[in-house]
N, C-alpha and C. Protein backbone atom coordinates (compact mmCIF):
# COMPACT_ATOMS: atom_id res chain seq x y z
N MET A 1 11.47 -16.17 23.30
CA MET A 1 10.29 -15.34 23.40
C MET A 1 9.20 -15.92 22.48
N ALA A 2 8.00 -15.97 22.95
CA ALA A 2 6.90 -16.56 22.21
C ALA A 2 6.21 -15.52 21.33
N PHE A 3 5.38 -16.00 20.43
CA PHE A 3 4.60 -15.14 19.55
C PHE A 3 3.61 -14.31 20.37
N VAL A 4 3.58 -13.01 20.11
CA VAL A 4 2.62 -12.11 20.74
C VAL A 4 1.80 -11.48 19.62
N PRO A 5 0.48 -11.69 19.61
CA PRO A 5 -0.33 -11.12 18.53
C PRO A 5 -0.19 -9.61 18.46
N PRO A 6 -0.09 -9.05 17.26
CA PRO A 6 0.02 -7.60 17.13
C PRO A 6 -1.29 -6.91 17.54
N THR A 7 -1.19 -5.63 17.79
CA THR A 7 -2.36 -4.85 18.21
C THR A 7 -2.92 -4.07 17.03
N ALA A 8 -4.12 -3.51 17.23
CA ALA A 8 -4.74 -2.68 16.20
C ALA A 8 -3.89 -1.44 15.93
N GLU A 9 -3.26 -0.91 16.97
CA GLU A 9 -2.41 0.28 16.79
C GLU A 9 -1.21 -0.04 15.90
N GLU A 10 -0.63 -1.23 16.08
CA GLU A 10 0.49 -1.64 15.24
C GLU A 10 0.06 -1.80 13.78
N LEU A 11 -1.14 -2.32 13.57
CA LEU A 11 -1.66 -2.44 12.21
C LEU A 11 -1.83 -1.06 11.59
N GLY A 12 -2.32 -0.11 12.37
CA GLY A 12 -2.45 1.27 11.88
C GLY A 12 -1.12 1.87 11.50
N LEU A 13 -0.08 1.59 12.30
CA LEU A 13 1.26 2.09 11.99
C LEU A 13 1.80 1.49 10.70
N VAL A 14 1.60 0.18 10.53
CA VAL A 14 2.08 -0.50 9.33
C VAL A 14 1.40 0.06 8.08
N LEU A 15 0.10 0.33 8.19
CA LEU A 15 -0.66 0.83 7.05
C LEU A 15 -0.52 2.34 6.86
N GLY A 16 0.07 3.02 7.83
CA GLY A 16 0.25 4.46 7.73
C GLY A 16 -1.04 5.23 7.93
N LEU A 17 -1.92 4.71 8.77
CA LEU A 17 -3.21 5.36 9.03
C LEU A 17 -3.17 6.07 10.37
N ASP A 18 -3.69 7.30 10.39
CA ASP A 18 -3.76 8.05 11.65
C ASP A 18 -4.82 7.46 12.57
N GLU A 19 -5.94 7.05 11.98
CA GLU A 19 -7.02 6.46 12.75
C GLU A 19 -7.34 5.08 12.16
N ILE A 20 -7.70 4.16 13.05
CA ILE A 20 -8.03 2.81 12.61
C ILE A 20 -9.24 2.34 13.41
N HIS A 21 -10.11 1.59 12.78
CA HIS A 21 -11.30 1.04 13.44
C HIS A 21 -10.83 -0.15 14.27
N GLY A 22 -10.76 0.04 15.58
CA GLY A 22 -10.16 -0.94 16.47
C GLY A 22 -10.82 -2.31 16.46
N ASP A 23 -12.16 -2.35 16.51
CA ASP A 23 -12.85 -3.65 16.56
C ASP A 23 -12.61 -4.44 15.28
N ARG A 24 -12.68 -3.75 14.15
CA ARG A 24 -12.46 -4.42 12.85
C ARG A 24 -11.02 -4.91 12.75
N ALA A 25 -10.08 -4.05 13.17
CA ALA A 25 -8.66 -4.43 13.12
C ALA A 25 -8.38 -5.63 14.02
N ASP A 26 -8.96 -5.63 15.22
CA ASP A 26 -8.76 -6.76 16.14
C ASP A 26 -9.31 -8.05 15.55
N LEU A 27 -10.50 -7.97 14.91
CA LEU A 27 -11.08 -9.16 14.29
C LEU A 27 -10.19 -9.67 13.16
N LEU A 28 -9.68 -8.77 12.33
CA LEU A 28 -8.82 -9.18 11.23
C LEU A 28 -7.51 -9.79 11.74
N ILE A 29 -6.95 -9.22 12.79
CA ILE A 29 -5.69 -9.74 13.36
C ILE A 29 -5.92 -11.13 13.95
N THR A 30 -7.04 -11.31 14.67
CA THR A 30 -7.36 -12.62 15.24
C THR A 30 -7.56 -13.66 14.15
N THR A 31 -8.30 -13.27 13.10
CA THR A 31 -8.56 -14.20 12.00
C THR A 31 -7.28 -14.49 11.23
N ALA A 32 -6.45 -13.49 11.02
CA ALA A 32 -5.17 -13.69 10.32
C ALA A 32 -4.26 -14.61 11.13
N THR A 33 -4.27 -14.47 12.44
CA THR A 33 -3.48 -15.35 13.31
C THR A 33 -3.95 -16.80 13.17
N SER A 34 -5.26 -17.00 13.17
CA SER A 34 -5.81 -18.35 12.99
C SER A 34 -5.44 -18.92 11.63
N LEU A 35 -5.48 -18.09 10.61
CA LEU A 35 -5.12 -18.53 9.27
C LEU A 35 -3.64 -18.93 9.20
N CYS A 36 -2.79 -18.15 9.84
CA CYS A 36 -1.35 -18.48 9.87
C CYS A 36 -1.09 -19.77 10.62
N GLN A 37 -1.92 -20.07 11.62
CA GLN A 37 -1.73 -21.30 12.39
C GLN A 37 -2.12 -22.54 11.60
N THR A 38 -2.74 -22.38 10.44
CA THR A 38 -2.99 -23.54 9.59
C THR A 38 -1.71 -24.01 8.92
N VAL A 39 -0.69 -23.14 8.87
CA VAL A 39 0.60 -23.50 8.27
C VAL A 39 1.57 -23.95 9.35
N VAL A 40 1.66 -23.21 10.44
CA VAL A 40 2.61 -23.50 11.53
C VAL A 40 1.89 -23.29 12.86
N LYS A 41 1.93 -24.29 13.71
CA LYS A 41 1.32 -24.14 15.02
C LYS A 41 2.24 -24.75 16.06
N PRO A 42 2.62 -24.06 17.09
CA PRO A 42 2.32 -22.67 17.42
C PRO A 42 3.11 -21.72 16.54
N LEU A 43 2.64 -20.50 16.45
CA LEU A 43 3.34 -19.50 15.63
C LEU A 43 4.67 -19.14 16.28
N PRO A 44 5.73 -19.06 15.48
CA PRO A 44 7.05 -18.73 16.04
C PRO A 44 7.20 -17.23 16.27
N GLU A 45 8.23 -16.90 17.01
CA GLU A 45 8.56 -15.49 17.21
C GLU A 45 8.90 -14.89 15.85
N GLY A 46 8.42 -13.69 15.58
CA GLY A 46 8.66 -13.04 14.29
C GLY A 46 7.51 -13.20 13.32
N ALA A 47 6.53 -14.04 13.66
CA ALA A 47 5.38 -14.24 12.78
C ALA A 47 4.44 -13.04 12.79
N GLU A 48 4.71 -12.08 13.66
CA GLU A 48 3.88 -10.88 13.74
C GLU A 48 3.85 -10.16 12.39
N ALA A 49 4.98 -10.15 11.69
CA ALA A 49 5.07 -9.46 10.40
C ALA A 49 4.13 -10.09 9.37
N VAL A 50 4.05 -11.41 9.37
CA VAL A 50 3.17 -12.11 8.43
C VAL A 50 1.71 -11.84 8.81
N VAL A 51 1.39 -11.89 10.10
CA VAL A 51 0.02 -11.63 10.55
C VAL A 51 -0.39 -10.21 10.17
N LEU A 52 0.50 -9.25 10.37
CA LEU A 52 0.19 -7.86 10.01
C LEU A 52 0.01 -7.70 8.50
N SER A 53 0.80 -8.42 7.72
CA SER A 53 0.68 -8.35 6.27
C SER A 53 -0.68 -8.89 5.81
N VAL A 54 -1.08 -10.03 6.36
CA VAL A 54 -2.36 -10.65 5.99
C VAL A 54 -3.52 -9.75 6.42
N ALA A 55 -3.49 -9.28 7.66
CA ALA A 55 -4.56 -8.42 8.16
C ALA A 55 -4.58 -7.08 7.42
N GLY A 56 -3.41 -6.56 7.08
CA GLY A 56 -3.34 -5.28 6.36
C GLY A 56 -3.96 -5.36 4.98
N ARG A 57 -3.71 -6.45 4.27
CA ARG A 57 -4.33 -6.62 2.94
C ARG A 57 -5.85 -6.61 3.04
N ALA A 58 -6.37 -7.30 4.05
CA ALA A 58 -7.82 -7.37 4.21
C ALA A 58 -8.40 -6.04 4.70
N TYR A 59 -7.66 -5.30 5.52
CA TYR A 59 -8.16 -4.03 6.04
C TYR A 59 -8.24 -2.98 4.93
N VAL A 60 -7.23 -2.94 4.08
CA VAL A 60 -7.17 -1.92 3.03
C VAL A 60 -8.15 -2.21 1.90
N ASN A 61 -8.35 -3.48 1.56
CA ASN A 61 -9.20 -3.84 0.42
C ASN A 61 -10.16 -4.97 0.81
N PRO A 62 -11.16 -4.67 1.64
CA PRO A 62 -12.04 -5.73 2.14
C PRO A 62 -12.97 -6.34 1.09
N GLN A 63 -13.31 -5.59 0.06
CA GLN A 63 -14.26 -6.08 -0.94
C GLN A 63 -13.58 -6.65 -2.18
N GLN A 64 -12.29 -6.77 -2.14
CA GLN A 64 -11.49 -7.31 -3.23
C GLN A 64 -11.73 -6.55 -4.53
N VAL A 65 -11.77 -5.24 -4.43
CA VAL A 65 -11.93 -4.39 -5.60
C VAL A 65 -10.67 -4.45 -6.43
N SER A 66 -10.83 -4.69 -7.73
CA SER A 66 -9.65 -4.74 -8.58
C SER A 66 -9.53 -3.49 -9.46
N TYR A 67 -10.64 -2.78 -9.68
CA TYR A 67 -10.58 -1.56 -10.49
C TYR A 67 -11.66 -0.62 -9.99
N GLU A 68 -11.29 0.63 -9.74
CA GLU A 68 -12.23 1.59 -9.18
C GLU A 68 -11.98 2.94 -9.82
N THR A 69 -13.09 3.63 -10.21
CA THR A 69 -12.99 4.97 -10.78
C THR A 69 -13.88 5.91 -9.99
N ILE A 70 -13.29 7.00 -9.53
CA ILE A 70 -14.05 8.05 -8.84
C ILE A 70 -13.66 9.36 -9.50
N GLY A 71 -14.61 9.93 -10.25
CA GLY A 71 -14.32 11.16 -10.97
C GLY A 71 -13.23 10.93 -11.99
N PRO A 72 -12.23 11.79 -12.04
CA PRO A 72 -11.17 11.62 -13.02
C PRO A 72 -10.07 10.63 -12.59
N MET A 73 -10.18 10.12 -11.36
CA MET A 73 -9.14 9.22 -10.83
C MET A 73 -9.58 7.77 -10.96
N SER A 74 -8.64 6.90 -11.30
CA SER A 74 -8.94 5.47 -11.33
C SER A 74 -7.77 4.72 -10.70
N VAL A 75 -8.12 3.59 -10.09
CA VAL A 75 -7.13 2.76 -9.42
C VAL A 75 -7.35 1.32 -9.86
N GLN A 76 -6.26 0.64 -10.21
CA GLN A 76 -6.36 -0.77 -10.55
C GLN A 76 -5.45 -1.54 -9.61
N ARG A 77 -6.02 -2.54 -8.94
CA ARG A 77 -5.26 -3.37 -8.02
C ARG A 77 -5.13 -4.76 -8.61
N PRO A 78 -4.09 -5.48 -8.23
CA PRO A 78 -3.96 -6.86 -8.72
C PRO A 78 -5.14 -7.71 -8.27
N SER A 79 -5.55 -8.65 -9.10
CA SER A 79 -6.67 -9.51 -8.71
C SER A 79 -6.26 -10.37 -7.51
N GLY A 80 -7.22 -10.60 -6.64
CA GLY A 80 -6.93 -11.39 -5.43
C GLY A 80 -6.23 -10.59 -4.36
N SER A 81 -6.32 -9.27 -4.40
CA SER A 81 -5.60 -8.47 -3.41
C SER A 81 -6.47 -8.07 -2.23
N GLY A 82 -7.62 -8.70 -2.06
CA GLY A 82 -8.49 -8.38 -0.93
C GLY A 82 -8.85 -9.63 -0.16
N GLY A 83 -9.47 -9.43 0.99
CA GLY A 83 -9.86 -10.58 1.81
C GLY A 83 -8.68 -11.13 2.58
N LEU A 84 -8.95 -12.16 3.35
CA LEU A 84 -7.90 -12.80 4.15
C LEU A 84 -7.37 -14.02 3.41
N TYR A 85 -6.12 -14.01 3.07
CA TYR A 85 -5.49 -15.15 2.42
C TYR A 85 -4.00 -15.09 2.66
N LEU A 86 -3.34 -16.23 2.52
CA LEU A 86 -1.89 -16.32 2.65
C LEU A 86 -1.28 -16.47 1.27
N THR A 87 -0.29 -15.66 0.98
CA THR A 87 0.43 -15.81 -0.27
C THR A 87 1.47 -16.92 -0.11
N LYS A 88 2.05 -17.31 -1.22
CA LYS A 88 3.12 -18.32 -1.16
C LYS A 88 4.29 -17.79 -0.33
N ALA A 89 4.58 -16.50 -0.46
CA ALA A 89 5.67 -15.90 0.32
C ALA A 89 5.35 -15.90 1.82
N ASP A 90 4.06 -15.67 2.17
CA ASP A 90 3.66 -15.71 3.58
C ASP A 90 3.89 -17.11 4.16
N LYS A 91 3.45 -18.13 3.42
CA LYS A 91 3.63 -19.50 3.89
C LYS A 91 5.10 -19.86 4.03
N SER A 92 5.89 -19.43 3.05
CA SER A 92 7.33 -19.70 3.09
C SER A 92 7.99 -19.01 4.29
N ALA A 93 7.58 -17.76 4.56
CA ALA A 93 8.14 -17.03 5.70
C ALA A 93 7.79 -17.70 7.01
N LEU A 94 6.55 -18.15 7.14
CA LEU A 94 6.14 -18.84 8.38
C LEU A 94 6.95 -20.12 8.59
N LYS A 95 7.13 -20.89 7.53
CA LYS A 95 7.89 -22.14 7.64
C LYS A 95 9.35 -21.85 7.98
N SER A 96 9.90 -20.81 7.37
CA SER A 96 11.29 -20.44 7.64
C SER A 96 11.47 -19.98 9.09
N LEU A 97 10.53 -19.17 9.58
CA LEU A 97 10.60 -18.70 10.97
C LEU A 97 10.50 -19.87 11.95
N ALA A 98 9.76 -20.91 11.56
CA ALA A 98 9.60 -22.07 12.43
C ALA A 98 10.76 -23.05 12.33
N GLY A 99 11.70 -22.77 11.41
CA GLY A 99 12.86 -23.64 11.26
C GLY A 99 12.61 -24.80 10.32
N ARG A 100 11.55 -24.73 9.54
CA ARG A 100 11.26 -25.79 8.58
C ARG A 100 11.78 -25.39 7.21
N GLY A 101 11.90 -26.39 6.35
CA GLY A 101 12.30 -26.12 4.97
C GLY A 101 13.80 -25.95 4.86
N GLY A 102 14.25 -25.67 3.66
CA GLY A 102 15.67 -25.50 3.42
C GLY A 102 16.35 -26.81 3.09
N ALA A 103 17.62 -26.75 2.86
CA ALA A 103 18.40 -27.93 2.49
C ALA A 103 18.79 -28.72 3.73
N PHE A 104 18.96 -30.01 3.55
CA PHE A 104 19.41 -30.86 4.64
C PHE A 104 20.21 -32.01 4.04
N THR A 105 20.93 -32.71 4.88
CA THR A 105 21.78 -33.82 4.43
C THR A 105 21.37 -35.08 5.17
N VAL A 106 21.35 -36.19 4.43
CA VAL A 106 21.09 -37.48 5.03
C VAL A 106 22.31 -38.35 4.75
N ASP A 107 22.93 -38.89 5.78
CA ASP A 107 24.09 -39.75 5.63
C ASP A 107 23.63 -41.21 5.65
N PRO A 108 23.72 -41.91 4.51
CA PRO A 108 23.25 -43.30 4.46
C PRO A 108 24.26 -44.31 4.99
N THR A 109 25.45 -43.86 5.40
CA THR A 109 26.49 -44.78 5.88
C THR A 109 26.13 -45.29 7.26
N PRO A 110 26.10 -46.62 7.44
CA PRO A 110 25.79 -47.13 8.78
C PRO A 110 26.89 -46.79 9.78
N GLY A 111 26.52 -46.72 11.02
CA GLY A 111 27.47 -46.37 12.07
C GLY A 111 28.57 -47.40 12.25
N THR A 112 28.35 -48.64 11.82
CA THR A 112 29.35 -49.71 11.98
C THR A 112 30.24 -49.86 10.75
N ALA A 113 30.17 -48.92 9.81
CA ALA A 113 30.96 -49.02 8.57
C ALA A 113 32.45 -48.94 8.89
N ASP A 114 33.24 -49.80 8.21
CA ASP A 114 34.68 -49.86 8.39
C ASP A 114 35.34 -49.24 7.15
N PRO A 115 36.29 -48.33 7.31
CA PRO A 115 36.89 -47.68 6.15
C PRO A 115 37.89 -48.54 5.37
N SER A 116 38.20 -49.74 5.87
CA SER A 116 39.18 -50.58 5.16
C SER A 116 38.53 -51.17 3.91
N PRO A 117 39.36 -51.49 2.88
CA PRO A 117 38.81 -52.05 1.64
C PRO A 117 38.24 -53.45 1.86
N THR A 118 37.27 -53.81 1.05
CA THR A 118 36.64 -55.12 1.18
C THR A 118 37.11 -56.09 0.12
N TRP A 119 38.06 -55.69 -0.75
CA TRP A 119 38.59 -56.58 -1.77
C TRP A 119 40.00 -57.02 -1.37
N PRO A 120 40.48 -58.15 -1.89
CA PRO A 120 41.83 -58.61 -1.51
C PRO A 120 42.91 -57.73 -2.13
N VAL A 121 43.87 -57.34 -1.32
CA VAL A 121 44.97 -56.50 -1.77
C VAL A 121 46.27 -57.22 -1.40
N ASP A 122 47.24 -57.31 -2.37
CA ASP A 122 48.52 -57.94 -2.03
C ASP A 122 49.46 -56.91 -1.42
N ASP A 123 50.70 -57.29 -1.16
CA ASP A 123 51.66 -56.42 -0.49
C ASP A 123 51.98 -55.17 -1.28
N ALA A 124 51.97 -55.25 -2.62
CA ALA A 124 52.29 -54.09 -3.45
C ALA A 124 51.07 -53.19 -3.66
N GLY A 125 49.94 -53.61 -3.15
CA GLY A 125 48.74 -52.82 -3.32
C GLY A 125 48.05 -53.09 -4.64
N ILE A 126 48.49 -54.14 -5.35
CA ILE A 126 47.94 -54.46 -6.67
C ILE A 126 47.27 -55.82 -6.57
N TYR A 127 46.12 -55.94 -7.14
CA TYR A 127 45.39 -57.19 -7.10
C TYR A 127 45.39 -57.82 -8.49
N GLY A 128 45.69 -59.10 -8.54
CA GLY A 128 45.55 -59.86 -9.77
C GLY A 128 46.72 -59.72 -10.73
N GLU A 129 46.57 -60.33 -11.90
CA GLU A 129 47.60 -60.35 -12.93
C GLU A 129 47.37 -59.22 -13.92
N TYR A 130 48.47 -58.57 -14.35
CA TYR A 130 48.40 -57.54 -15.37
C TYR A 130 49.24 -57.94 -16.56
N GLU A 131 48.89 -57.45 -17.73
CA GLU A 131 49.67 -57.73 -18.93
C GLU A 131 51.03 -57.08 -18.83
N PRO A 132 52.08 -57.72 -19.35
CA PRO A 132 53.39 -57.08 -19.36
C PRO A 132 53.37 -55.87 -20.30
N GLY A 133 54.18 -54.89 -19.99
CA GLY A 133 54.29 -53.72 -20.83
C GLY A 133 53.47 -52.52 -20.34
N TRP A 134 52.70 -52.71 -19.32
CA TRP A 134 51.91 -51.60 -18.78
C TRP A 134 52.55 -51.01 -17.52
N GLY A 135 53.83 -51.28 -17.33
CA GLY A 135 54.53 -50.74 -16.20
C GLY A 135 54.54 -51.66 -15.00
N TYR A 136 53.97 -52.86 -15.16
CA TYR A 136 53.96 -53.81 -14.06
C TYR A 136 54.81 -55.02 -14.48
N PRO A 137 55.64 -55.54 -13.55
CA PRO A 137 56.48 -56.71 -13.92
C PRO A 137 55.67 -57.96 -14.17
């Protein structure tokens, strides 16, 4: 199954909003999708969660407000929590969904390698002369 861009209604559900501005949400989802495609193209199945996360951050905090006081209430948000951007975790998730990253093994042994020894071995399996007294005649 291919990537299907999320809808404005899905963004509203993720953010827990009863009403959502559809045109703005659609623009943010489209832009978030384009931003995600700078990391992985085409977007893999399951990338909808990353797109919704990116668009949701921008929808909730469009002006990148980090501290706001209204009457007796104040809110402090982490810096950089507004606008459209990909976090390191977002990039990692996209790469993982696309099957990139992670551990891998490289076998440097050539296909024509022979498992037999390359040094001379006598009938007893011992090569060369040994000093007497070490268990060898």
